[in-house]
Amino acid sequence: MTSAPRPGATGKQVYVLGMNEFNRVKLEALPGADGYCFHGLLTPEEILYADDFPIESMLSRAEAQLREADPPADAVVGYMDFPVSTILPILTGRLGLPGLDLLAMLKCEHKYWSRLEQQAVVPDAIPAFQLVDPFLESPESQLELDYPFWLKPVKSAGSYLGFRIDDEASFHRAIAEVREHIHRIAEPFDRILEYVELPDDIAAVGGHYCLAESLLTGEMCTLEGYVFNGEVHVHGVVDSVREANASSFARYQYPSQMPTSVTDRMEEVARRTLQRIGFNGSAFNIEFFWERGTDTISLLEINTRIAQHHSDLFDKVHGVSNHQVAVELALGRDPRFPEAKGRFNCAAAFWLRTHEDAWVADVPSEDTLTAVAREWPGTYVELEAHPGMWLSELHDQDSYSYVLALIYVGAGSHEQLMTTYDAVVERLDFDLRDSPESLS
């Protein structure tokens, strides 16, 4: 998938890992896009929907495409979690292109290593944590944290294989799931770890380990920004609103409704942590909790990229998507993200979920989706479920729900966002069955 530069354009050759149609449109709408030529690097199917990740093969194919490019590649960018965020620094390093240092990436994305780095500079802003080897004969014997706590692999994608642990029974259920499925990401992540010289306390902690952390509570948000020439910049704060079960996201909502005094403190925690890690030349999004009653902030996780589900939100509110940040940094330039001058005052990405597995008999038609976009301008529905599949076949879901669709909405107020979302959902008919046989 390639977009040719327009006549007279300088045509910077920008390669995008796993570029799909939705994000290609966002990229080609960037200011100055006349001067870019965007190329897909590996397909979305290879990256998003793969049952496994042959890292060496992926790297070889991507590197070969880049080295054979004529004109030569000027930049390589990505906007997704594993494996994109982890192979991107390897590719830019091999090609001598601007990008995040591989070691800095791993200090963020290896969750245990990241906690050790955070502990060194912001110990009051992180939860209690410990390593868990899920393959011990009696894994409960190593537990030091009291119930409840959160259990997750040291490297995952989204909330895949993340579990709330309330007692020993739920711990053993989670361990059984982890043992069965953790290899899918753990094995290729271990290949990535082989590319750097690891400290002794990290070298023994491969992708098959898990991290247990005391529960974080309160309101959640994400600081999105970038580091250029060592300077940390935050260009937006997005609220992450969870469902009643507190384990699944209901929506991302922008701009944040948290007090500026709170997000300023989060920004200082982010700055100290990123500087400790040596993070530079890349976008980031960092997730935080704020407990209103105690006015406590806690750092949940550092991601080494823009958040793709924020792209439409920034586009609606600022008039330009966060892809501008990724592209400009990849070209070695300061992005200077603009102030809010978009079509809407606020925007949200909603997850339409169900909590039981089901056979998908039918989904909303293209005519229905077109009618929704026409009636509510700026609304876009991205279907995740498709006819003829079990919801459990969807990749990288959290442990408690299945995503039927993502619904992007813009509005004049946060209240109007909810009203529009509710109206749109009423139009979307999903036919979910207990089994394929129930169709007859």
Protein backbone atom coordinates (compact mmCIF):
# COMPACT_ATOMS: atom_id res chain seq x y z
CA MET A 1 0.00 0.00 0.00
CA THR A 2 1.69 3.19 -1.21
CA SER A 3 0.59 6.78 -1.70
CA ALA A 4 2.46 8.75 -4.35
CA PRO A 5 3.59 12.31 -3.62
CA ARG A 6 1.66 14.98 -5.44
CA PRO A 7 3.28 16.91 -8.33
CA GLY A 8 5.99 19.24 -7.11
CA ALA A 9 6.35 17.47 -3.75
CA THR A 10 9.73 16.75 -2.23
CA GLY A 11 8.43 13.29 -1.48
CA LYS A 12 9.97 12.17 1.81
CA GLN A 13 9.74 8.38 1.73
CA VAL A 14 8.00 7.29 4.95
CA TYR A 15 7.53 3.59 5.67
CA VAL A 16 4.71 2.67 8.05
CA LEU A 17 4.72 -0.70 9.83
CA GLY A 18 1.36 -2.41 9.39
CA MET A 19 -0.34 0.58 7.74
CA ASN A 20 -4.08 0.02 7.29
CA GLU A 21 -6.63 2.06 5.36
CA PHE A 22 -7.95 3.99 8.38
CA ASN A 23 -4.49 5.23 9.34
CA ARG A 24 -3.40 5.79 5.73
CA VAL A 25 -6.24 8.34 5.44
CA LYS A 26 -5.06 10.04 8.65
CA LEU A 27 -1.47 10.14 7.42
CA GLU A 28 -2.39 11.60 4.03
CA ALA A 29 -4.41 14.34 5.75
CA LEU A 30 -1.40 15.64 7.72
CA PRO A 31 -0.26 19.22 7.12
CA GLY A 32 2.45 19.11 4.49
CA ALA A 33 1.38 15.65 3.33
CA ASP A 34 2.12 16.82 -0.24
CA GLY A 35 5.75 16.28 0.70
CA TYR A 36 5.36 12.71 1.93
CA CYS A 37 5.07 9.37 0.18
CA PHE A 38 3.72 6.73 2.56
CA HIS A 39 4.50 3.04 2.07
CA GLY A 40 3.20 0.05 4.00
CA LEU A 41 5.93 -2.06 5.64
CA LEU A 42 4.64 -5.56 6.43
CA THR A 43 0.87 -6.00 6.23
CA PRO A 44 -1.69 -5.48 9.00
CA GLU A 45 -2.50 -9.19 8.74
CA GLU A 46 1.10 -10.12 9.53
CA ILE A 47 1.14 -7.82 12.54
CA LEU A 48 -2.37 -7.60 13.97
CA TYR A 49 -3.91 -10.97 13.22
CA ALA A 50 -0.98 -13.37 13.41
CA ASP A 51 -1.13 -16.51 15.54
CA ASP A 52 2.61 -16.17 16.13
CA PHE A 53 5.36 -13.66 15.43
CA PRO A 54 8.46 -14.98 13.62
CA ILE A 55 10.62 -12.03 14.61
CA GLU A 56 13.69 -12.89 12.54
CA SER A 57 11.60 -13.42 9.41
CA MET A 58 9.65 -10.21 9.98
CA LEU A 59 12.84 -8.23 10.48
CA SER A 60 14.49 -9.76 7.42
CA ARG A 61 11.55 -9.03 5.15
CA ALA A 62 11.11 -5.49 6.45
CA GLU A 63 14.83 -4.71 6.23
CA ALA A 64 15.03 -6.10 2.69
CA GLN A 65 12.12 -3.90 1.59
CA LEU A 66 13.77 -0.85 3.13
CA ARG A 67 17.21 -1.53 1.63
CA GLU A 68 15.74 -2.13 -1.82
CA ALA A 69 13.65 1.05 -1.69
CA ASP A 70 14.22 3.48 -4.56
CA PRO A 71 14.16 6.32 -3.69
CA PRO A 72 15.67 5.37 -0.32
CA ALA A 73 13.63 5.35 2.89
CA ASP A 74 13.78 8.60 4.86
CA ALA A 75 11.82 7.38 7.89
CA VAL A 76 10.17 4.34 9.47
CA VAL A 77 7.21 4.81 11.81
CA GLY A 78 4.75 2.69 13.76
CA TYR A 79 1.65 3.29 15.84
CA MET A 80 0.94 -0.16 17.32
CA ASP A 81 1.98 -2.24 20.30
CA PHE A 82 3.88 -5.52 19.99
CA PRO A 83 5.49 -6.47 17.68
CA VAL A 84 5.63 -3.06 15.96
CA SER A 85 6.94 -1.06 18.91
CA THR A 86 9.66 -3.64 19.57
CA ILE A 87 11.01 -4.18 16.05
CA LEU A 88 10.91 -0.49 15.07
CA PRO A 89 14.11 0.49 16.98
CA ILE A 90 15.95 -2.47 15.45
CA LEU A 91 15.00 -1.43 11.92
CA THR A 92 15.84 2.26 12.38
CA GLY A 93 19.12 1.30 14.03
CA ARG A 94 20.11 -0.97 11.14
CA LEU A 95 19.22 1.65 8.54
CA GLY A 96 20.82 4.55 10.44
CA LEU A 97 17.51 6.42 10.60
CA PRO A 98 16.23 8.61 13.47
CA GLY A 99 14.41 6.68 16.17
CA LEU A 100 14.28 5.44 19.72
CA ASP A 101 17.26 3.54 21.11
CA LEU A 102 16.52 -0.20 21.48
CA LEU A 103 17.74 -0.30 25.09
CA ALA A 104 15.48 2.62 26.06
CA MET A 105 12.52 0.89 24.42
CA LEU A 106 13.13 -2.30 26.39
CA LYS A 107 13.44 -0.38 29.66
CA CYS A 108 9.89 0.80 29.03
CA GLU A 109 8.23 -2.26 27.51
CA HIS A 110 9.72 -5.01 29.71
CA LYS A 111 7.30 -4.36 32.55
CA TYR A 112 9.57 -5.61 35.34
CA TRP A 113 12.60 -3.71 34.07
CA SER A 114 10.43 -0.63 33.67
CA ARG A 115 9.26 -0.86 37.30
CA LEU A 116 12.87 -1.07 38.51
CA GLU A 117 13.75 2.07 36.55
CA GLN A 118 10.68 3.87 37.90
CA GLN A 119 11.45 2.73 41.44
CA ALA A 120 14.82 4.47 41.22
CA VAL A 121 13.34 7.93 40.57
CA VAL A 122 9.60 7.97 41.42
CA PRO A 123 9.15 5.29 44.13
CA ASP A 124 6.06 6.98 45.58
CA ALA A 125 4.27 6.91 42.22
CA ILE A 126 4.28 3.14 41.62
CA PRO A 127 2.49 0.17 43.23
CA ALA A 128 4.12 -2.66 45.15
CA PHE A 129 5.26 -5.29 42.68
CA GLN A 130 7.01 -8.65 42.40
CA LEU A 131 8.03 -11.22 39.82
CA VAL A 132 5.99 -14.40 39.39
CA ASP A 133 7.24 -17.50 37.59
CA PRO A 134 4.02 -19.11 36.30
CA PHE A 135 5.79 -22.39 35.57
CA LEU A 136 6.87 -23.19 39.13
CA GLU A 137 5.36 -26.41 40.43
CA SER A 138 3.66 -24.44 43.23
CA PRO A 139 3.48 -20.88 41.86
CA GLU A 140 1.49 -19.63 44.86
CA SER A 141 4.50 -20.30 47.11
CA GLN A 142 6.34 -17.28 45.70
CA LEU A 143 3.58 -14.76 46.38
CA GLU A 144 4.47 -11.89 48.71
CA LEU A 145 1.64 -9.51 47.82
CA ASP A 146 -1.69 -9.77 49.59
CA TYR A 147 -4.88 -10.34 47.61
CA PRO A 148 -6.24 -8.65 45.60
CA PHE A 149 -3.57 -7.85 43.03
CA TRP A 150 -3.12 -7.67 39.26
CA LEU A 151 -1.20 -10.34 37.33
CA LYS A 152 0.18 -9.78 33.81
CA PRO A 153 3.07 -10.99 31.63
CA VAL A 154 6.26 -8.91 31.65
CA LYS A 155 5.42 -8.24 27.99
CA SER A 156 2.00 -8.37 26.41
CA ALA A 157 -0.16 -6.44 23.95
CA GLY A 158 -3.14 -4.42 25.09
CA SER A 159 -4.52 -6.14 28.20
CA TYR A 160 -3.90 -9.67 26.89
CA LEU A 161 -3.46 -12.19 29.73
CA GLY A 162 -4.02 -9.55 32.40
CA PHE A 163 -6.02 -10.80 35.40
CA ARG A 164 -7.38 -9.38 38.62
CA ILE A 165 -6.49 -11.89 41.34
CA ASP A 166 -8.84 -11.89 44.33
CA ASP A 167 -7.95 -15.21 45.97
CA GLU A 168 -5.95 -18.40 45.49
CA ALA A 169 -8.61 -19.95 43.25
CA SER A 170 -8.55 -17.02 40.81
CA PHE A 171 -4.73 -17.09 40.92
CA HIS A 172 -4.65 -20.72 39.80
CA ARG A 173 -7.22 -20.09 37.06
CA ALA A 174 -5.09 -17.23 35.76
CA ILE A 175 -1.89 -19.28 35.95
CA ALA A 176 -3.52 -22.01 33.86
CA GLU A 177 -4.44 -19.46 31.16
CA VAL A 178 -0.98 -17.90 31.25
CA ARG A 179 0.77 -21.26 30.92
CA GLU A 180 -1.33 -22.11 27.88
CA HIS A 181 -1.02 -18.83 25.99
CA ILE A 182 1.99 -16.78 27.19
CA HIS A 183 4.38 -18.32 24.64
CA ARG A 184 2.67 -16.43 21.77
CA ILE A 185 4.34 -13.16 22.77
CA ALA A 186 6.98 -14.40 25.24
CA GLU A 187 8.99 -16.37 22.69
CA PRO A 188 9.34 -13.59 20.10
CA PHE A 189 9.97 -11.06 22.88
CA ASP A 190 12.85 -13.22 24.09
CA ARG A 191 14.32 -12.96 20.58
CA ILE A 192 14.21 -9.18 20.89
CA LEU A 193 15.97 -9.32 24.27
CA GLU A 194 18.87 -11.16 22.63
CA TYR A 195 19.75 -8.01 20.67
CA VAL A 196 21.03 -6.15 23.76
CA GLU A 197 23.38 -6.85 26.65
CA LEU A 198 21.05 -7.14 29.63
CA PRO A 199 21.88 -6.40 33.28
CA ASP A 200 22.20 -9.56 35.36
CA ASP A 201 18.94 -8.92 37.23
CA ILE A 202 17.05 -8.65 33.92
CA ALA A 203 18.86 -11.31 31.89
CA ALA A 204 17.19 -14.06 33.90
CA VAL A 205 13.71 -12.55 33.48
CA GLY A 206 12.48 -13.50 30.03
CA GLY A 207 9.09 -13.11 28.46
CA HIS A 208 7.65 -16.18 30.21
CA TYR A 209 7.64 -14.39 33.57
CA CYS A 210 4.74 -12.42 34.99
CA LEU A 211 4.50 -9.33 37.14
CA ALA A 212 2.18 -9.09 40.13
CA GLU A 213 1.23 -5.58 41.24
CA SER A 214 -0.97 -4.22 44.00
CA LEU A 215 -4.22 -2.84 42.61
CA LEU A 216 -4.32 0.75 41.44
CA THR A 217 -7.66 2.51 41.81
CA GLY A 218 -9.21 5.81 40.86
CA GLU A 219 -9.65 7.71 37.64
CA MET A 220 -7.37 6.86 34.76
CA CYS A 221 -5.79 8.95 32.02
CA THR A 222 -2.99 8.81 29.49
CA LEU A 223 -0.36 11.48 28.88
CA GLU A 224 0.67 11.47 25.25
CA GLY A 225 3.78 13.32 24.17
CA TYR A 226 7.28 12.99 22.79
CA VAL A 227 10.94 13.62 23.61
CA PHE A 228 13.05 15.63 21.18
CA ASN A 229 16.67 16.58 21.89
CA GLY A 230 16.15 15.44 25.48
CA GLU A 231 13.17 17.76 26.09
CA VAL A 232 9.89 16.15 27.17
CA HIS A 233 6.72 17.56 25.59
CA VAL A 234 3.13 16.54 26.42
CA HIS A 235 0.64 17.39 23.67
CA GLY A 236 -2.51 15.91 25.18
CA VAL A 237 -4.12 14.16 28.15
CA VAL A 238 -6.80 11.58 27.33
CA ASP A 239 -9.18 10.16 29.95
CA SER A 240 -9.47 6.35 29.97
CA VAL A 241 -12.92 5.51 31.30
CA ARG A 242 -13.44 1.93 32.42
CA GLU A 243 -16.56 -0.21 32.59
CA ALA A 244 -18.18 -1.03 35.92
CA ASN A 245 -15.99 -4.14 36.26
CA ALA A 246 -12.94 -1.79 36.28
CA SER A 247 -11.08 -4.27 34.06
CA SER A 248 -12.22 -3.29 30.55
CA PHE A 249 -12.05 0.09 28.82
CA ALA A 250 -15.37 1.73 27.98
CA ARG A 251 -13.92 4.72 26.13
CA TYR A 252 -11.02 7.09 25.59
CA GLN A 253 -12.22 10.68 25.96
CA TYR A 254 -10.43 13.90 25.00
CA PRO A 255 -9.63 16.43 26.30
CA SER A 256 -9.21 15.21 29.86
CA GLN A 257 -11.53 16.43 32.59
CA MET A 258 -8.91 15.96 35.30
CA PRO A 259 -7.61 19.07 37.10
CA THR A 260 -4.53 20.60 35.51
CA SER A 261 -2.81 20.56 38.91
CA VAL A 262 -3.06 16.76 38.84
CA THR A 263 -1.90 16.25 35.25
CA ASP A 264 1.01 18.64 35.86
CA ARG A 265 2.23 16.32 38.62
CA MET A 266 1.86 13.36 36.29
CA GLU A 267 3.92 15.19 33.70
CA GLU A 268 6.73 15.69 36.23
CA VAL A 269 6.70 11.95 37.07
CA ALA A 270 6.82 11.16 33.36
CA ARG A 271 9.69 13.58 32.78
CA ARG A 272 11.85 12.17 35.58
CA THR A 273 11.22 8.59 34.47
CA LEU A 274 11.89 9.19 30.78
CA GLN A 275 15.09 11.07 31.52
CA ARG A 276 16.24 8.22 33.79
CA ILE A 277 15.62 5.72 30.98
CA GLY A 278 17.43 7.79 28.34
CA PHE A 279 14.29 8.05 26.23
CA ASN A 280 14.74 10.35 23.21
CA GLY A 281 13.56 10.85 19.65
CA SER A 282 10.22 9.11 20.03
CA ALA A 283 6.59 9.56 20.96
CA PHE A 284 5.24 8.05 24.18
CA ASN A 285 1.96 7.49 25.94
CA ILE A 286 2.04 6.92 29.68
CA GLU A 287 -0.95 5.67 31.67
CA PHE A 288 -1.71 7.04 35.14
CA PHE A 289 -4.27 6.66 37.92
CA TRP A 290 -5.49 9.47 40.15
CA GLU A 291 -7.18 8.57 43.43
CA ARG A 292 -9.33 11.62 44.09
CA GLY A 293 -9.91 10.93 47.79
CA THR A 294 -6.22 10.81 48.70
CA ASP A 295 -5.01 12.97 45.79
CA THR A 296 -2.53 10.22 44.92
CA ILE A 297 -1.14 9.67 41.43
CA SER A 298 0.28 6.35 40.26
CA LEU A 299 2.12 5.42 37.07
CA LEU A 300 0.65 2.33 35.43
CA GLU A 301 2.61 1.81 32.22
CA ILE A 302 4.92 3.44 29.66
CA ASN A 303 4.26 2.83 25.95
CA THR A 304 6.89 3.84 23.39
CA ARG A 305 4.62 5.16 20.63
CA ILE A 306 1.63 7.29 19.86
CA ALA A 307 -1.66 5.61 20.77
CA GLN A 308 -3.44 4.67 17.55
CA HIS A 309 -6.84 4.94 19.24
CA HIS A 310 -6.03 8.57 20.08
CA SER A 311 -5.38 9.52 16.45
CA ASP A 312 -8.98 10.26 15.54
CA LEU A 313 -9.50 12.14 18.82
CA PHE A 314 -6.62 14.52 18.16
CA ASP A 315 -7.75 14.92 14.57
CA LYS A 316 -11.24 15.94 15.66
CA VAL A 317 -10.10 18.38 18.39
CA HIS A 318 -6.78 19.71 17.03
CA GLY A 319 -7.46 19.41 13.33
CA VAL A 320 -4.44 17.12 12.91
CA SER A 321 -3.82 13.58 14.14
CA ASN A 322 -0.97 12.48 16.38
CA HIS A 323 0.61 10.78 13.37
CA GLN A 324 2.24 14.16 12.77
CA VAL A 325 4.31 13.61 15.90
CA ALA A 326 5.48 10.15 14.83
CA VAL A 327 6.30 11.20 11.27
CA GLU A 328 8.18 14.39 12.14
CA LEU A 329 10.23 12.66 14.83
CA ALA A 330 11.08 9.85 12.41
CA LEU A 331 12.42 12.50 10.02
CA GLY A 332 14.55 13.96 12.81
CA ARG A 333 12.39 17.06 13.26
CA ASP A 334 10.57 18.67 16.19
CA PRO A 335 6.83 18.00 15.63
CA ARG A 336 5.53 21.18 17.35
CA PHE A 337 2.02 19.76 17.69
CA PRO A 338 -0.62 22.49 17.15
CA GLU A 339 -3.17 23.92 19.57
CA ALA A 340 -6.79 22.77 19.39
CA LYS A 341 -8.30 24.14 16.18
CA GLY A 342 -10.38 21.18 15.07
CA ARG A 343 -13.98 20.63 14.12
CA PHE A 344 -15.11 19.45 17.57
CA ASN A 345 -14.60 20.55 21.17
CA CYS A 346 -14.21 16.97 22.35
CA ALA A 347 -14.03 13.45 21.01
CA ALA A 348 -14.09 9.85 22.17
CA ALA A 349 -13.31 6.32 21.04
CA PHE A 350 -15.87 3.91 22.48
CA TRP A 351 -15.44 0.14 22.82
CA LEU A 352 -18.69 -1.71 22.17
CA ARG A 353 -18.21 -4.92 24.15
CA THR A 354 -19.93 -8.11 25.15
CA HIS A 355 -18.82 -10.31 28.02
CA GLU A 356 -19.81 -13.76 26.73
CA ASP A 357 -18.34 -15.73 23.86
CA ALA A 358 -20.72 -16.08 20.91
CA TRP A 359 -20.92 -17.13 17.27
CA VAL A 360 -21.18 -14.07 15.02
CA ALA A 361 -24.03 -14.68 12.58
CA ASP A 362 -24.24 -11.13 11.24
CA VAL A 363 -22.93 -7.60 11.79
CA PRO A 364 -24.14 -4.12 10.75
CA SER A 365 -24.13 -3.65 6.97
CA GLU A 366 -22.07 -1.13 5.03
CA ASP A 367 -25.32 0.73 4.32
CA THR A 368 -25.96 1.01 8.05
CA LEU A 369 -22.45 2.30 8.74
CA THR A 370 -22.76 4.84 5.92
CA ALA A 371 -26.11 6.03 7.28
CA VAL A 372 -24.61 6.42 10.77
CA ALA A 373 -21.75 8.54 9.40
CA ARG A 374 -24.22 10.67 7.45
CA GLU A 375 -26.59 11.27 10.38
CA TRP A 376 -23.81 11.97 12.91
CA PRO A 377 -20.99 13.71 10.99
CA GLY A 378 -17.54 12.70 12.14
CA THR A 379 -18.74 9.36 13.49
CA TYR A 380 -16.85 6.29 12.31
CA VAL A 381 -17.55 2.66 13.22
CA GLU A 382 -14.70 0.15 12.94
CA LEU A 383 -16.01 -3.42 13.16
CA GLU A 384 -13.88 -5.94 15.03
CA ALA A 385 -16.27 -8.89 14.86
CA HIS A 386 -17.10 -10.48 11.50
CA PRO A 387 -19.70 -13.05 10.40
CA GLY A 388 -18.68 -16.68 10.68
CA MET A 389 -16.35 -16.40 13.67
CA TRP A 390 -16.41 -17.03 17.39
CA LEU A 391 -15.67 -13.92 19.42
CA SER A 392 -12.99 -15.92 21.24
CA GLU A 393 -11.08 -16.04 17.94
CA LEU A 394 -10.41 -12.29 18.18
CA HIS A 395 -6.75 -11.59 18.91
CA ASP A 396 -5.34 -9.80 21.96
CA GLN A 397 -8.59 -9.22 23.85
CA ASP A 398 -8.57 -8.51 27.57
CA SER A 399 -9.48 -11.38 29.89
CA TYR A 400 -13.03 -10.24 30.59
CA SER A 401 -14.72 -9.15 27.35
CA TYR A 402 -14.83 -9.18 23.55
CA VAL A 403 -14.82 -6.04 21.40
CA LEU A 404 -17.56 -5.96 18.76
CA ALA A 405 -16.67 -2.54 17.38
CA LEU A 406 -14.82 0.70 17.98
CA ILE A 407 -16.98 3.80 17.61
CA TYR A 408 -15.30 7.18 17.09
CA VAL A 409 -17.45 10.23 17.91
CA GLY A 410 -16.91 14.00 17.97
CA ALA A 411 -19.18 16.50 19.73
CA GLY A 412 -19.53 19.96 21.20
CA SER A 413 -19.58 18.67 24.79
CA HIS A 414 -18.83 15.53 26.78
CA GLU A 415 -22.56 15.10 27.43
CA GLN A 416 -23.27 15.18 23.70
CA LEU A 417 -20.61 12.51 23.15
CA MET A 418 -22.59 10.10 25.32
CA THR A 419 -25.91 11.00 23.69
CA THR A 420 -24.50 10.40 20.21
CA TYR A 421 -22.87 7.13 21.22
CA ASP A 422 -26.09 5.77 22.71
CA ALA A 423 -28.00 6.71 19.55
CA VAL A 424 -25.40 5.08 17.30
CA VAL A 425 -25.42 1.83 19.29
CA GLU A 426 -29.18 1.63 18.80
CA ARG A 427 -28.55 1.47 15.04
CA LEU A 428 -25.95 -1.30 15.19
CA ASP A 429 -27.47 -4.77 14.98
CA PHE A 430 -25.13 -7.64 15.83
CA ASP A 431 -26.60 -11.13 15.50
CA LEU A 432 -24.79 -13.21 18.11
CA ARG A 433 -25.70 -16.87 18.60
CA ASP A 434 -24.86 -19.72 20.96
CA SER A 435 -23.60 -21.82 18.05
CA PRO A 436 -23.57 -21.98 14.22
CA GLU A 437 -26.25 -24.67 14.43
CA SER A 438 -28.70 -22.18 15.94
CA LEU A 439 -28.95 -20.53 12.49
CA SER A 440 -30.87 -23.49 11.08
